[in-house]
Amino acid sequence: EGDSANIYYKVVDQKDWQYSVINVKGNNDKFVSYTVNDLNPALGYTFGFQQKFGCGSGEIVTAVVVDGPETNVFGLSYYQW
């Protein structure tokens, strides 16, 4: 329902968000797509997504991805509210 999103990510178990991409605009269907590059395949990452509408924002929903060093594709391990 928003018109953009904020994306946050960090290495698993880090206290604070280490990286962010703000105001990622959606397409006509309000679908947001963004490619995160240069991740270390030996680490797990926590991603947070925050819907925005105008200057207001919603709750951050986090998804934790844990994947070993054997692959470069990060499958979703679990969601956390």
PDB file of N, CA and C in Angstrom:
ATOM      1  N   GLU A   1       0.800  -1.202   0.000  1.00  0.00           N
ATOM      2  CA  GLU A   1       0.000   0.000   0.000  1.00  0.00           C
ATOM      3  C   GLU A   1       0.844   1.269   0.000  1.00  0.00           C
ATOM      4  N   GLY A   2       2.140   1.135   0.153  1.00  0.00           N
ATOM      5  CA  GLY A   2       3.004   2.303   0.182  1.00  0.00           C
ATOM      6  C   GLY A   2       3.439   2.727  -1.202  1.00  0.00           C
ATOM      7  N   ASP A   3       4.210   3.816  -1.255  1.00  0.00           N
ATOM      8  CA  ASP A   3       4.729   4.265  -2.542  1.00  0.00           C
ATOM      9  C   ASP A   3       6.244   4.088  -2.639  1.00  0.00           C
ATOM     10  N   SER A   4       6.867   3.648  -1.550  1.00  0.00           N
ATOM     11  CA  SER A   4       8.300   3.362  -1.555  1.00  0.00           C
ATOM     12  C   SER A   4       8.628   2.492  -0.338  1.00  0.00           C
ATOM     13  N   ALA A   5       9.892   2.124  -0.233  1.00  0.00           N
ATOM     14  CA  ALA A   5      10.310   1.273   0.885  1.00  0.00           C
ATOM     15  C   ALA A   5      11.729   1.634   1.307  1.00  0.00           C
ATOM     16  N   ASN A   6      12.021   1.356   2.555  1.00  0.00           N
ATOM     17  CA  ASN A   6      13.391   1.431   3.067  1.00  0.00           C
ATOM     18  C   ASN A   6      13.864   0.001   3.287  1.00  0.00           C
ATOM     19  N   ILE A   7      15.112  -0.268   2.943  1.00  0.00           N
ATOM     20  CA  ILE A   7      15.690  -1.594   3.117  1.00  0.00           C
ATOM     21  C   ILE A   7      16.903  -1.447   4.024  1.00  0.00           C
ATOM     22  N   TYR A   8      16.940  -2.270   5.062  1.00  0.00           N
ATOM     23  CA  TYR A   8      18.060  -2.261   6.009  1.00  0.00           C
ATOM     24  C   TYR A   8      18.661  -3.655   6.037  1.00  0.00           C
ATOM     25  N   TYR A   9      19.978  -3.748   6.226  1.00  0.00           N
ATOM     26  CA  TYR A   9      20.571  -5.071   6.385  1.00  0.00           C
ATOM     27  C   TYR A   9      21.846  -4.995   7.199  1.00  0.00           C
ATOM     28  N   LYS A  10      22.187  -6.156   7.795  1.00  0.00           N
ATOM     29  CA  LYS A  10      23.356  -6.269   8.664  1.00  0.00           C
ATOM     30  C   LYS A  10      23.778  -7.725   8.723  1.00  0.00           C
ATOM     31  N   VAL A  11      24.996  -7.957   9.147  1.00  0.00           N
ATOM     32  CA  VAL A  11      25.465  -9.312   9.393  1.00  0.00           C
ATOM     33  C   VAL A  11      24.702  -9.840  10.614  1.00  0.00           C
ATOM     34  N   VAL A  12      24.301 -11.112  10.570  1.00  0.00           N
ATOM     35  CA  VAL A  12      23.549 -11.717  11.669  1.00  0.00           C
ATOM     36  C   VAL A  12      24.262 -11.476  12.995  1.00  0.00           C
ATOM     37  N   ASP A  13      23.512 -11.151  14.002  1.00  0.00           N
ATOM     38  CA  ASP A  13      23.965 -10.909  15.381  1.00  0.00           C
ATOM     39  C   ASP A  13      24.614  -9.546  15.605  1.00  0.00           C
ATOM     40  N   GLN A  14      24.701  -8.694  14.588  1.00  0.00           N
ATOM     41  CA  GLN A  14      25.164  -7.335  14.826  1.00  0.00           C
ATOM     42  C   GLN A  14      24.044  -6.563  15.520  1.00  0.00           C
ATOM     43  N   LYS A  15      24.400  -5.663  16.411  1.00  0.00           N
ATOM     44  CA  LYS A  15      23.408  -4.944  17.203  1.00  0.00           C
ATOM     45  C   LYS A  15      22.578  -3.978  16.350  1.00  0.00           C
ATOM     46  N   ASP A  16      23.211  -3.189  15.533  1.00  0.00           N
ATOM     47  CA  ASP A  16      22.537  -2.147  14.758  1.00  0.00           C
ATOM     48  C   ASP A  16      22.583  -2.461  13.267  1.00  0.00           C
ATOM     49  N   TRP A  17      21.672  -1.824  12.520  1.00  0.00           N
ATOM     50  CA  TRP A  17      21.700  -1.956  11.068  1.00  0.00           C
ATOM     51  C   TRP A  17      23.001  -1.375  10.557  1.00  0.00           C
ATOM     52  N   GLN A  18      23.714  -2.103   9.710  1.00  0.00           N
ATOM     53  CA  GLN A  18      24.992  -1.649   9.172  1.00  0.00           C
ATOM     54  C   GLN A  18      24.838  -0.923   7.839  1.00  0.00           C
ATOM     55  N   TYR A  19      23.811  -1.269   7.084  1.00  0.00           N
ATOM     56  CA  TYR A  19      23.621  -0.715   5.743  1.00  0.00           C
ATOM     57  C   TYR A  19      22.151  -0.369   5.541  1.00  0.00           C
ATOM     58  N   SER A  20      21.882   0.590   4.675  1.00  0.00           N
ATOM     59  CA  SER A  20      20.493   0.918   4.360  1.00  0.00           C
ATOM     60  C   SER A  20      20.386   1.496   2.954  1.00  0.00           C
ATOM     61  N   VAL A  21      19.229   1.297   2.379  1.00  0.00           N
ATOM     62  CA  VAL A  21      18.861   1.890   1.102  1.00  0.00           C
ATOM     63  C   VAL A  21      17.485   2.500   1.355  1.00  0.00           C
ATOM     64  N   ILE A  22      17.366   3.812   1.209  1.00  0.00           N
ATOM     65  CA  ILE A  22      16.103   4.457   1.560  1.00  0.00           C
ATOM     66  C   ILE A  22      15.370   4.961   0.324  1.00  0.00           C
ATOM     67  N   ASN A  23      14.062   5.043   0.457  1.00  0.00           N
ATOM     68  CA  ASN A  23      13.175   5.567  -0.587  1.00  0.00           C
ATOM     69  C   ASN A  23      13.297   4.830  -1.911  1.00  0.00           C
ATOM     70  N   VAL A  24      13.304   3.505  -1.855  1.00  0.00           N
ATOM     71  CA  VAL A  24      13.291   2.702  -3.083  1.00  0.00           C
ATOM     72  C   VAL A  24      11.873   2.772  -3.635  1.00  0.00           C
ATOM     73  N   LYS A  25      11.732   3.342  -4.810  1.00  0.00           N
ATOM     74  CA  LYS A  25      10.416   3.562  -5.406  1.00  0.00           C
ATOM     75  C   LYS A  25       9.868   2.282  -6.016  1.00  0.00           C
ATOM     76  N   GLY A  26       8.573   2.081  -5.864  1.00  0.00           N
ATOM     77  CA  GLY A  26       7.905   0.931  -6.451  1.00  0.00           C
ATOM     78  C   GLY A  26       7.476   1.220  -7.881  1.00  0.00           C
ATOM     79  N   ASN A  27       7.049   0.158  -8.577  1.00  0.00           N
ATOM     80  CA  ASN A  27       6.540   0.343  -9.932  1.00  0.00           C
ATOM     81  C   ASN A  27       5.056   0.709  -9.869  1.00  0.00           C
ATOM     82  N   ASN A  28       4.362   0.660 -10.992  1.00  0.00           N
ATOM     83  CA  ASN A  28       2.939   1.027 -11.028  1.00  0.00           C
ATOM     84  C   ASN A  28       2.071   0.137 -10.147  1.00  0.00           C
ATOM     85  N   ASP A  29       2.518  -1.099  -9.910  1.00  0.00           N
ATOM     86  CA  ASP A  29       1.788  -2.029  -9.049  1.00  0.00           C
ATOM     87  C   ASP A  29       2.241  -1.911  -7.590  1.00  0.00           C
ATOM     88  N   LYS A  30       3.077  -0.905  -7.297  1.00  0.00           N
ATOM     89  CA  LYS A  30       3.640  -0.684  -5.962  1.00  0.00           C
ATOM     90  C   LYS A  30       4.518  -1.845  -5.510  1.00  0.00           C
ATOM     91  N   PHE A  31       5.164  -2.502  -6.465  1.00  0.00           N
ATOM     92  CA  PHE A  31       6.098  -3.593  -6.191  1.00  0.00           C
ATOM     93  C   PHE A  31       7.500  -3.019  -6.165  1.00  0.00           C
ATOM     94  N   VAL A  32       8.245  -3.291  -5.099  1.00  0.00           N
ATOM     95  CA  VAL A  32       9.608  -2.785  -4.955  1.00  0.00           C
ATOM     96  C   VAL A  32      10.583  -3.925  -5.205  1.00  0.00           C
ATOM     97  N   SER A  33      11.557  -3.680  -6.048  1.00  0.00           N
ATOM     98  CA  SER A  33      12.601  -4.655  -6.322  1.00  0.00           C
ATOM     99  C   SER A  33      13.953  -3.949  -6.209  1.00  0.00           C
ATOM    100  N   TYR A  34      14.892  -4.589  -5.526  1.00  0.00           N
ATOM    101  CA  TYR A  34      16.215  -3.995  -5.356  1.00  0.00           C
ATOM    102  C   TYR A  34      17.231  -5.119  -5.206  1.00  0.00           C
ATOM    103  N   THR A  35      18.348  -5.020  -5.901  1.00  0.00           N
ATOM    104  CA  THR A  35      19.409  -6.016  -5.810  1.00  0.00           C
ATOM    105  C   THR A  35      20.510  -5.513  -4.884  1.00  0.00           C
ATOM    106  N   VAL A  36      20.831  -6.313  -3.872  1.00  0.00           N
ATOM    107  CA  VAL A  36      21.912  -5.992  -2.947  1.00  0.00           C
ATOM    108  C   VAL A  36      23.152  -6.725  -3.436  1.00  0.00           C
ATOM    109  N   ASN A  37      24.217  -5.985  -3.689  1.00  0.00           N
ATOM    110  CA  ASN A  37      25.458  -6.562  -4.208  1.00  0.00           C
ATOM    111  C   ASN A  37      26.532  -6.632  -3.131  1.00  0.00           C
ATOM    112  N   ASP A  38      27.575  -7.375  -3.413  1.00  0.00           N
ATOM    113  CA  ASP A  38      28.797  -7.445  -2.603  1.00  0.00           C
ATOM    114  C   ASP A  38      28.590  -8.019  -1.208  1.00  0.00           C
ATOM    115  N   LEU A  39      27.641  -8.938  -1.059  1.00  0.00           N
ATOM    116  CA  LEU A  39      27.488  -9.632   0.214  1.00  0.00           C
ATOM    117  C   LEU A  39      28.556 -10.715   0.322  1.00  0.00           C
ATOM    118  N   ASN A  40      28.985 -10.999   1.531  1.00  0.00           N
ATOM    119  CA  ASN A  40      29.970 -12.049   1.775  1.00  0.00           C
ATOM    120  C   ASN A  40      29.231 -13.383   1.868  1.00  0.00           C
ATOM    121  N   PRO A  41      29.485 -14.328   0.963  1.00  0.00           N
ATOM    122  CA  PRO A  41      28.751 -15.592   0.974  1.00  0.00           C
ATOM    123  C   PRO A  41      29.054 -16.470   2.189  1.00  0.00           C
ATOM    124  N   ALA A  42      30.063 -16.129   2.970  1.00  0.00           N
ATOM    125  CA  ALA A  42      30.396 -16.904   4.169  1.00  0.00           C
ATOM    126  C   ALA A  42      29.609 -16.430   5.393  1.00  0.00           C
ATOM    127  N   LEU A  43      28.819 -15.378   5.244  1.00  0.00           N
ATOM    128  CA  LEU A  43      28.096 -14.806   6.376  1.00  0.00           C
ATOM    129  C   LEU A  43      26.592 -14.923   6.195  1.00  0.00           C
ATOM    130  N   GLY A  44      25.858 -14.845   7.290  1.00  0.00           N
ATOM    131  CA  GLY A  44      24.405 -14.742   7.252  1.00  0.00           C
ATOM    132  C   GLY A  44      24.028 -13.281   7.408  1.00  0.00           C
ATOM    133  N   TYR A  45      22.885 -12.897   6.892  1.00  0.00           N
ATOM    134  CA  TYR A  45      22.445 -11.510   6.940  1.00  0.00           C
ATOM    135  C   TYR A  45      21.018 -11.409   7.455  1.00  0.00           C
ATOM    136  N   THR A  46      20.741 -10.312   8.131  1.00  0.00           N
ATOM    137  CA  THR A  46      19.392  -9.959   8.539  1.00  0.00           C
ATOM    138  C   THR A  46      18.964  -8.775   7.691  1.00  0.00           C
ATOM    139  N   PHE A  47      17.790  -8.886   7.068  1.00  0.00           N
ATOM    140  CA  PHE A  47      17.249  -7.825   6.238  1.00  0.00           C
ATOM    141  C   PHE A  47      15.994  -7.273   6.886  1.00  0.00           C
ATOM    142  N   GLY A  48      15.855  -5.975   6.865  1.00  0.00           N
ATOM    143  CA  GLY A  48      14.645  -5.328   7.359  1.00  0.00           C
ATOM    144  C   GLY A  48      14.024  -4.523   6.244  1.00  0.00           C
ATOM    145  N   PHE A  49      12.699  -4.603   6.140  1.00  0.00           N
ATOM    146  CA  PHE A  49      11.964  -3.903   5.094  1.00  0.00           C
ATOM    147  C   PHE A  49      10.911  -3.031   5.750  1.00  0.00           C
ATOM    148  N   GLN A  50      10.852  -1.781   5.322  1.00  0.00           N
ATOM    149  CA  GLN A  50       9.910  -0.833   5.910  1.00  0.00           C
ATOM    150  C   GLN A  50       9.126  -0.158   4.798  1.00  0.00           C
ATOM    151  N   GLN A  51       7.824  -0.345   4.822  1.00  0.00           N
ATOM    152  CA  GLN A  51       6.944   0.293   3.847  1.00  0.00           C
ATOM    153  C   GLN A  51       6.818   1.773   4.166  1.00  0.00           C
ATOM    154  N   LYS A  52       6.796   2.597   3.124  1.00  0.00           N
ATOM    155  CA  LYS A  52       6.604   4.035   3.306  1.00  0.00           C
ATOM    156  C   LYS A  52       5.470   4.512   2.423  1.00  0.00           C
ATOM    157  N   PHE A  53       4.766   5.508   2.901  1.00  0.00           N
ATOM    158  CA  PHE A  53       3.760   6.184   2.093  1.00  0.00           C
ATOM    159  C   PHE A  53       3.928   7.668   2.359  1.00  0.00           C
ATOM    160  N   GLY A  54       4.427   8.386   1.357  1.00  0.00           N
ATOM    161  CA  GLY A  54       4.747   9.807   1.557  1.00  0.00           C
ATOM    162  C   GLY A  54       5.857   9.935   2.581  1.00  0.00           C
ATOM    163  N   CYS A  55       5.642  10.784   3.588  1.00  0.00           N
ATOM    164  CA  CYS A  55       6.680  10.967   4.612  1.00  0.00           C
ATOM    165  C   CYS A  55       6.462  10.044   5.809  1.00  0.00           C
ATOM    166  N   GLY A  56       5.362   9.277   5.824  1.00  0.00           N
ATOM    167  CA  GLY A  56       5.095   8.353   6.920  1.00  0.00           C
ATOM    168  C   GLY A  56       5.700   6.994   6.645  1.00  0.00           C
ATOM    169  N   SER A  57       5.959   6.238   7.692  1.00  0.00           N
ATOM    170  CA  SER A  57       6.533   4.910   7.508  1.00  0.00           C
ATOM    171  C   SER A  57       5.876   3.927   8.465  1.00  0.00           C
ATOM    172  N   GLY A  58       6.001   2.660   8.130  1.00  0.00           N
ATOM    173  CA  GLY A  58       5.407   1.601   8.935  1.00  0.00           C
ATOM    174  C   GLY A  58       6.445   0.841   9.726  1.00  0.00           C
ATOM    175  N   GLU A  59       5.993  -0.248  10.296  1.00  0.00           N
ATOM    176  CA  GLU A  59       6.828  -1.136  11.098  1.00  0.00           C
ATOM    177  C   GLU A  59       7.884  -1.794  10.213  1.00  0.00           C
ATOM    178  N   ILE A  60       9.054  -2.082  10.781  1.00  0.00           N
ATOM    179  CA  ILE A  60      10.090  -2.795  10.040  1.00  0.00           C
ATOM    180  C   ILE A  60       9.852  -4.289  10.211  1.00  0.00           C
ATOM    181  N   VAL A  61       9.757  -5.003   9.082  1.00  0.00           N
ATOM    182  CA  VAL A  61       9.637  -6.452   9.085  1.00  0.00           C
ATOM    183  C   VAL A  61      11.008  -7.000   8.740  1.00  0.00           C
ATOM    184  N   THR A  62      11.513  -7.946   9.537  1.00  0.00           N
ATOM    185  CA  THR A  62      12.848  -8.477   9.293  1.00  0.00           C
ATOM    186  C   THR A  62      12.787  -9.902   8.779  1.00  0.00           C
ATOM    187  N   ALA A  63      13.732 -10.233   7.927  1.00  0.00           N
ATOM    188  CA  ALA A  63      13.905 -11.585   7.405  1.00  0.00           C
ATOM    189  C   ALA A  63      15.367 -11.954   7.614  1.00  0.00           C
ATOM    190  N   VAL A  64      15.624 -13.083   8.236  1.00  0.00           N
ATOM    191  CA  VAL A  64      16.990 -13.520   8.491  1.00  0.00           C
ATOM    192  C   VAL A  64      17.360 -14.569   7.464  1.00  0.00           C
ATOM    193  N   VAL A  65      18.508 -14.387   6.834  1.00  0.00           N
ATOM    194  CA  VAL A  65      18.999 -15.318   5.827  1.00  0.00           C
ATOM    195  C   VAL A  65      20.330 -15.866   6.308  1.00  0.00           C
ATOM    196  N   VAL A  66      20.390 -17.185   6.487  1.00  0.00           N
ATOM    197  CA  VAL A  66      21.635 -17.825   6.899  1.00  0.00           C
ATOM    198  C   VAL A  66      21.979 -18.841   5.823  1.00  0.00           C
ATOM    199  N   ASP A  67      23.148 -18.684   5.236  1.00  0.00           N
ATOM    200  CA  ASP A  67      23.566 -19.555   4.149  1.00  0.00           C
ATOM    201  C   ASP A  67      25.067 -19.753   4.273  1.00  0.00           C
ATOM    202  N   GLY A  68      25.542 -20.939   4.028  1.00  0.00           N
ATOM    203  CA  GLY A  68      26.962 -21.233   4.152  1.00  0.00           C
ATOM    204  C   GLY A  68      27.775 -20.736   2.985  1.00  0.00           C
ATOM    205  N   PRO A  69      29.094 -20.915   3.061  1.00  0.00           N
ATOM    206  CA  PRO A  69      30.000 -20.392   2.037  1.00  0.00           C
ATOM    207  C   PRO A  69      29.986 -21.175   0.726  1.00  0.00           C
ATOM    208  N   GLU A  70      29.187 -22.225   0.611  1.00  0.00           N
ATOM    209  CA  GLU A  70      29.200 -23.054  -0.592  1.00  0.00           C
ATOM    210  C   GLU A  70      28.408 -22.465  -1.743  1.00  0.00           C
ATOM    211  N   THR A  71      27.475 -21.549  -1.461  1.00  0.00           N
ATOM    212  CA  THR A  71      26.650 -20.992  -2.528  1.00  0.00           C
ATOM    213  C   THR A  71      26.647 -19.470  -2.453  1.00  0.00           C
ATOM    214  N   ASN A  72      26.196 -18.840  -3.514  1.00  0.00           N
ATOM    215  CA  ASN A  72      26.027 -17.398  -3.543  1.00  0.00           C
ATOM    216  C   ASN A  72      24.554 -17.007  -3.546  1.00  0.00           C
ATOM    217  N   VAL A  73      23.652 -17.988  -3.496  1.00  0.00           N
ATOM    218  CA  VAL A  73      22.224 -17.717  -3.467  1.00  0.00           C
ATOM    219  C   VAL A  73      21.766 -17.798  -2.027  1.00  0.00           C
ATOM    220  N   PHE A  74      21.166 -16.724  -1.519  1.00  0.00           N
ATOM    221  CA  PHE A  74      20.739 -16.677  -0.134  1.00  0.00           C
ATOM    222  C   PHE A  74      19.258 -17.002  -0.053  1.00  0.00           C
ATOM    223  N   GLY A  75      18.935 -18.188   0.407  1.00  0.00           N
ATOM    224  CA  GLY A  75      17.538 -18.568   0.616  1.00  0.00           C
ATOM    225  C   GLY A  75      17.042 -17.986   1.927  1.00  0.00           C
ATOM    226  N   LEU A  76      15.738 -17.784   2.032  1.00  0.00           N
ATOM    227  CA  LEU A  76      15.159 -17.250   3.255  1.00  0.00           C
ATOM    228  C   LEU A  76      15.160 -18.318   4.325  1.00  0.00           C
ATOM    229  N   SER A  77      15.736 -18.015   5.496  1.00  0.00           N
ATOM    230  CA  SER A  77      15.789 -18.973   6.594  1.00  0.00           C
ATOM    231  C   SER A  77      14.559 -18.846   7.493  1.00  0.00           C
ATOM    232  N   TYR A  78      14.155 -17.625   7.857  1.00  0.00           N
ATOM    233  CA  TYR A  78      12.937 -17.433   8.630  1.00  0.00           C
ATOM    234  C   TYR A  78      12.582 -15.952   8.681  1.00  0.00           C
ATOM    235  N   TYR A  79      11.313 -15.672   9.010  1.00  0.00           N
ATOM    236  CA  TYR A  79      10.838 -14.318   9.217  1.00  0.00           C
ATOM    237  C   TYR A  79      10.768 -14.037  10.700  1.00  0.00           C
ATOM    238  N   GLN A  80      10.893 -12.785  11.079  1.00  0.00           N
ATOM    239  CA  GLN A  80      10.769 -12.396  12.477  1.00  0.00           C
ATOM    240  C   GLN A  80       9.969 -11.114  12.546  1.00  0.00           C
ATOM    241  N   TRP A  81       8.915 -11.062  13.387  1.00  0.00           N
ATOM    242  CA  TRP A  81       8.102  -9.859  13.562  1.00  0.00           C
ATOM    243  C   TRP A  81       8.495  -9.162  14.822  1.00  0.00           C
TER     244      TRP A  81
END
